[in-house]
Amino acid sequence: MKVILKGNCEPFNPRYVIADDNDKIIDDAQGYGYKSKQSAYKAMNYKFKGGKQKKQQKEGKKKAFFKKYDGLEKFINDIYEINFKEILKGEVTEENIKQEIKEKFGIDIPSEYLKI
């Protein structure tokens, strides 16, 4: 698959489409075309190269993790709400939050699960 310039588009406003190796159009953003090559490549990755499934798998693992430890998600939200200003100033770091979780729940939480 590749990204090519859409036919019949204005020269000052180029649009791009996703095509197969024989230049047959596979996706054209509902007829409008993608505004940039980057957005066309992003859509190609998401739709045709497993991006959607990878995202769903990550979300499933995260939900299963929080389901295993009752009250963990609320505890993390409370930490963010209480320490909002300190986090923005850099006084409270991700490591400090992970340490509090380790003291309360006795687990090492992956950093990606702390992202809101």
Protein backbone atom coordinates (compact mmCIF):
# COMPACT_ATOMS: atom_id res chain seq x y z
CA MET A 1 0.00 0.00 0.00
CA LYS A 2 1.04 3.55 -0.59
CA VAL A 3 -0.16 7.12 -0.39
CA ILE A 4 -0.68 8.98 -3.66
CA LEU A 5 -1.94 12.38 -4.74
CA LYS A 6 -5.68 12.45 -5.39
CA GLY A 7 -6.70 13.16 -8.97
CA ASN A 8 -8.76 16.25 -9.82
CA CYS A 9 -7.64 18.24 -6.78
CA GLU A 10 -6.73 21.91 -6.77
CA PRO A 11 -2.98 22.63 -6.96
CA PHE A 12 -3.05 24.96 -3.96
CA ASN A 13 -4.98 22.41 -1.87
CA PRO A 14 -3.52 18.94 -2.57
CA ARG A 15 -5.32 15.88 -1.21
CA TYR A 16 -4.00 12.36 -0.74
CA VAL A 17 -5.54 8.88 -0.94
CA ILE A 18 -4.47 5.38 0.08
CA ALA A 19 -3.91 3.04 -2.86
CA ASP A 20 -2.71 -0.52 -3.35
CA ASP A 21 0.37 -1.45 -5.39
CA ASN A 22 -1.64 -1.28 -8.63
CA ASP A 23 -2.76 2.31 -7.88
CA LYS A 24 -6.33 1.19 -7.15
CA ILE A 25 -7.79 3.52 -4.51
CA ILE A 26 -8.54 1.72 -1.26
CA ASP A 27 -9.45 4.66 0.98
CA ASP A 28 -10.14 8.27 0.06
CA ALA A 29 -11.53 9.70 3.32
CA GLN A 30 -15.15 9.49 2.17
CA GLY A 31 -14.33 11.12 -1.16
CA TYR A 32 -12.58 14.19 0.20
CA GLY A 33 -9.03 12.85 0.43
CA TYR A 34 -6.60 13.39 3.29
CA LYS A 35 -5.23 16.90 3.79
CA SER A 36 -1.65 15.75 4.28
CA LYS A 37 0.52 12.75 3.54
CA GLN A 38 1.12 12.34 7.25
CA SER A 39 -2.59 12.03 8.03
CA ALA A 40 -3.02 9.54 5.17
CA TYR A 41 -0.15 7.41 6.51
CA LYS A 42 -1.62 7.61 10.01
CA ALA A 43 -5.01 6.42 8.73
CA MET A 44 -3.36 3.64 6.72
CA ASN A 45 -1.52 2.40 9.79
CA TYR A 46 -4.65 2.54 11.94
CA LYS A 47 -7.03 0.92 9.47
CA PHE A 48 -4.92 -1.57 7.56
CA LYS A 49 -1.87 -2.44 9.64
CA GLY A 50 -3.45 -3.42 12.94
CA GLY A 51 -3.38 -0.07 14.74
CA LYS A 52 -6.97 -0.40 15.89
CA GLN A 53 -6.46 -3.90 17.27
CA LYS A 54 -3.28 -2.87 19.10
CA LYS A 55 -5.11 0.02 20.73
CA GLN A 56 -8.01 -2.22 21.78
CA GLN A 57 -5.59 -4.79 23.24
CA LYS A 58 -3.82 -2.12 25.30
CA GLU A 59 -7.13 -0.81 26.62
CA GLY A 60 -8.24 -4.35 27.50
CA LYS A 61 -5.04 -5.02 29.45
CA LYS A 62 -5.38 -1.71 31.28
CA LYS A 63 -9.01 -2.44 32.25
CA ALA A 64 -8.08 -5.94 33.45
CA PHE A 65 -5.22 -4.51 35.55
CA PHE A 66 -7.45 -1.95 37.28
CA LYS A 67 -10.19 -4.55 37.78
CA LYS A 68 -7.70 -6.75 39.62
CA TYR A 69 -6.88 -3.98 42.14
CA ASP A 70 -10.11 -2.58 43.51
CA GLY A 71 -9.89 1.12 44.39
CA LEU A 72 -6.63 1.75 42.51
CA GLU A 73 -8.18 3.89 39.79
CA LYS A 74 -9.97 6.10 42.34
CA PHE A 75 -6.76 6.37 44.37
CA ILE A 76 -4.83 7.59 41.31
CA ASN A 77 -7.55 10.10 40.41
CA ASP A 78 -7.52 11.40 43.98
CA ILE A 79 -3.73 11.84 43.85
CA TYR A 80 -4.03 13.83 40.62
CA GLU A 81 -6.83 16.00 41.99
CA ILE A 82 -5.13 16.71 45.33
CA ASN A 83 -1.69 17.37 43.84
CA PHE A 84 -2.72 19.11 40.62
CA LYS A 85 -0.68 22.29 41.16
CA GLU A 86 2.34 20.44 42.52
CA ILE A 87 2.37 18.12 39.48
CA LEU A 88 2.32 21.11 37.13
CA LYS A 89 5.14 22.78 39.05
CA GLY A 90 7.17 19.56 38.98
CA GLU A 91 7.22 19.15 42.75
CA VAL A 92 5.36 15.82 42.52
CA THR A 93 6.71 13.48 39.86
CA GLU A 94 5.54 10.24 38.33
CA GLU A 95 8.01 8.38 40.54
CA ASN A 96 6.46 9.93 43.66
CA ILE A 97 3.02 8.76 42.54
CA LYS A 98 4.32 5.26 41.77
CA GLN A 99 5.92 5.14 45.24
CA GLU A 100 2.61 6.06 46.92
CA ILE A 101 0.83 3.34 44.96
CA LYS A 102 3.51 0.84 45.93
CA GLU A 103 3.11 1.73 49.62
CA LYS A 104 -0.69 1.50 49.57
CA PHE A 105 -1.27 -1.44 47.19
CA GLY A 106 2.13 -3.18 47.16
CA ILE A 107 2.43 -3.22 43.36
CA ASP A 108 4.64 -1.70 40.69
CA ILE A 109 2.27 -0.02 38.26
CA PRO A 110 3.44 0.48 34.66
CA SER A 111 4.02 4.14 33.82
CA GLU A 112 1.67 3.98 30.84
CA TYR A 113 -1.25 3.26 33.20
CA LEU A 114 -0.68 6.54 35.02
CA LYS A 115 -1.44 8.59 31.92
CA ILE A 116 -4.91 10.07 31.88
